[in-house]
C-alpha atoms as a PDB file:
ATOM      1  CA  MET A   1       0.000   0.000   0.000  1.00  0.00           C
ATOM      2  CA  LEU A   2       1.329   3.440  -0.841  1.00  0.00           C
ATOM      3  CA  GLY A   3       0.834   6.585   1.175  1.00  0.00           C
ATOM      4  CA  SER A   4      -0.276   7.016   4.731  1.00  0.00           C
ATOM      5  CA  ALA A   5      -1.416   4.357   7.173  1.00  0.00           C
ATOM      6  CA  ASP A   6      -5.056   4.981   6.326  1.00  0.00           C
ATOM      7  CA  GLY A   7      -4.388   4.574   2.603  1.00  0.00           C
ATOM      8  CA  LEU A   8      -4.861   8.231   1.695  1.00  0.00           C
ATOM      9  CA  LEU A   9      -2.291  10.217  -0.264  1.00  0.00           C
ATOM     10  CA  ASP A  10      -1.874  13.943   0.215  1.00  0.00           C
ATOM     11  CA  ALA A  11      -1.111  16.386  -2.606  1.00  0.00           C
ATOM     12  CA  ALA A  12       2.636  16.317  -1.911  1.00  0.00           C
ATOM     13  CA  THR A  13       3.053  12.540  -2.116  1.00  0.00           C
ATOM     14  CA  ALA A  14       0.495  11.677  -4.803  1.00  0.00           C
ATOM     15  CA  PRO A  15       2.795  12.567  -7.740  1.00  0.00           C
ATOM     16  CA  SER A  16       5.602  10.471  -6.241  1.00  0.00           C
ATOM     17  CA  GLN A  17       3.320   7.429  -6.210  1.00  0.00           C
ATOM     18  CA  GLU A  18       3.400   7.485 -10.032  1.00  0.00           C
ATOM     19  CA  ILE A  19       6.959   6.130  -9.920  1.00  0.00           C
ATOM     20  CA  PHE A  20       5.613   2.827  -8.571  1.00  0.00           C
ATOM     21  CA  ASP A  21       2.976   2.545 -11.310  1.00  0.00           C
ATOM     22  CA  GLN A  22       5.601   1.632 -13.941  1.00  0.00           C
ATOM     23  CA  ALA A  23       9.158   0.282 -14.224  1.00  0.00           C
ATOM     24  CA  TYR A  24      11.438   1.783 -11.576  1.00  0.00           C
ATOM     25  CA  LEU A  25      14.881   1.169 -10.095  1.00  0.00           C
ATOM     26  CA  ALA A  26      15.165   0.804  -6.303  1.00  0.00           C
ATOM     27  CA  ASP A  27      18.115   0.512  -3.940  1.00  0.00           C
ATOM     28  CA  GLN A  28      18.726   0.837  -0.207  1.00  0.00           C
ATOM     29  CA  LYS A  29      20.123   4.193   0.943  1.00  0.00           C
ATOM     30  CA  SER A  30      20.512   3.700   4.707  1.00  0.00           C
ATOM     31  CA  ASP A  31      20.047   1.127   7.441  1.00  0.00           C
ATOM     32  CA  ASP A  32      18.911   3.232  10.380  1.00  0.00           C
ATOM     33  CA  PRO A  33      16.264   4.174   9.620  1.00  0.00           C
ATOM     34  CA  GLU A  34      15.923   1.758   6.727  1.00  0.00           C
ATOM     35  CA  ARG A  35      15.419   3.994   3.682  1.00  0.00           C
ATOM     36  CA  PHE A  36      15.190   3.226   0.000  1.00  0.00           C
ATOM     37  CA  ARG A  37      15.564   5.252  -3.178  1.00  0.00           C
ATOM     38  CA  ALA A  38      13.365   4.674  -6.210  1.00  0.00           C
ATOM     39  CA  ILE A  39      14.162   6.197  -9.612  1.00  0.00           C
ATOM     40  CA  GLY A  40      11.369   6.381 -12.152  1.00  0.00           C
ATOM     41  CA  TRP A  41       9.050   8.552 -14.200  1.00  0.00           C
ATOM     42  CA  CYS A  42       6.681  10.995 -12.529  1.00  0.00           C
ATOM     43  CA  ARG A  43       4.618  13.560 -14.448  1.00  0.00           C
ATOM     44  CA  GLY A  44       6.983  13.479 -17.419  1.00  0.00           C
ATOM     45  CA  PHE A  45      10.201  13.813 -15.410  1.00  0.00           C
ATOM     46  CA  LEU A  46      12.698  11.187 -14.318  1.00  0.00           C
ATOM     47  CA  CYS A  47      12.645  11.530 -10.523  1.00  0.00           C
ATOM     48  CA  SER A  48      14.192  10.053  -7.399  1.00  0.00           C
ATOM     49  CA  VAL A  49      12.148   9.389  -4.278  1.00  0.00           C
ATOM     50  CA  ILE A  50      13.422   8.462  -0.819  1.00  0.00           C
ATOM     51  CA  PHE A  51      10.955   6.369   1.158  1.00  0.00           C
ATOM     52  CA  GLU A  52      10.701   4.131   4.200  1.00  0.00           C
ATOM     53  CA  VAL A  53       8.700   0.917   4.428  1.00  0.00           C
ATOM     54  CA  ARG A  54       6.667   1.082   7.632  1.00  0.00           C
ATOM     55  CA  HIS A  55       4.202  -1.218   9.349  1.00  0.00           C
ATOM     56  CA  ASP A  56       1.130  -0.585  11.427  1.00  0.00           C
ATOM     57  CA  ALA A  57      -1.926  -2.541  12.562  1.00  0.00           C
ATOM     58  CA  VAL A  58      -3.333  -2.486   9.015  1.00  0.00           C
ATOM     59  CA  GLY A  59      -0.159  -3.671   7.286  1.00  0.00           C
ATOM     60  CA  GLU A  60       2.770  -2.320   5.314  1.00  0.00           C
ATOM     61  CA  PHE A  61       2.886   1.154   3.757  1.00  0.00           C
ATOM     62  CA  TYR A  62       5.411   3.512   2.151  1.00  0.00           C
ATOM     63  CA  HIS A  63       6.320   6.717   3.971  1.00  0.00           C
ATOM     64  CA  PHE A  64       7.684   9.264   1.483  1.00  0.00           C
ATOM     65  CA  VAL A  65      10.606  11.322   2.803  1.00  0.00           C
ATOM     66  CA  THR A  66      11.604  13.485  -0.178  1.00  0.00           C
ATOM     67  CA  ALA A  67      11.689  13.602  -3.975  1.00  0.00           C
ATOM     68  CA  TRP A  68      13.685  15.462  -6.630  1.00  0.00           C
ATOM     69  CA  LYS A  69      14.426  15.492 -10.349  1.00  0.00           C
ATOM     70  CA  ALA A  70      16.917  12.676 -11.032  1.00  0.00           C
ATOM     71  CA  THR A  71      20.567  13.674 -11.326  1.00  0.00           C
ATOM     72  CA  ARG A  72      22.644  12.736 -14.390  1.00  0.00           C
ATOM     73  CA  GLU A  73      24.141   9.831 -12.456  1.00  0.00           C
ATOM     74  CA  GLU A  74      20.717   8.584 -11.404  1.00  0.00           C
ATOM     75  CA  ALA A  75      19.402   8.924 -14.976  1.00  0.00           C
ATOM     76  CA  GLN A  76      22.381   6.930 -16.275  1.00  0.00           C
ATOM     77  CA  SER A  77      21.842   4.209 -13.667  1.00  0.00           C
ATOM     78  CA  TYR A  78      18.155   4.033 -14.587  1.00  0.00           C
ATOM     79  CA  ALA A  79      18.964   3.787 -18.303  1.00  0.00           C
ATOM     80  CA  GLU A  80      21.523   1.022 -17.725  1.00  0.00           C
ATOM     81  CA  ASN A  81      19.269  -1.085 -15.486  1.00  0.00           C
ATOM     82  CA  ILE A  82      15.725  -0.679 -16.786  1.00  0.00           C
END
């Protein structure tokens, strides 16, 4: 499930969800807290999103931390791996 624990997405995170609707590249960025980076397309731009996988009584959800337009290095990595 993407978004908040209750399944709702706010205006800031909704565009970032688009990355997960198509092919994307993901890797782990840190261990504590455990954070991941996803690189993919969002509203016509190649973007990077940092997110955490969290759990609550309902199940697993993604907590979005930040997003930005992909750097040249991230775009190259995406092109080489997708």
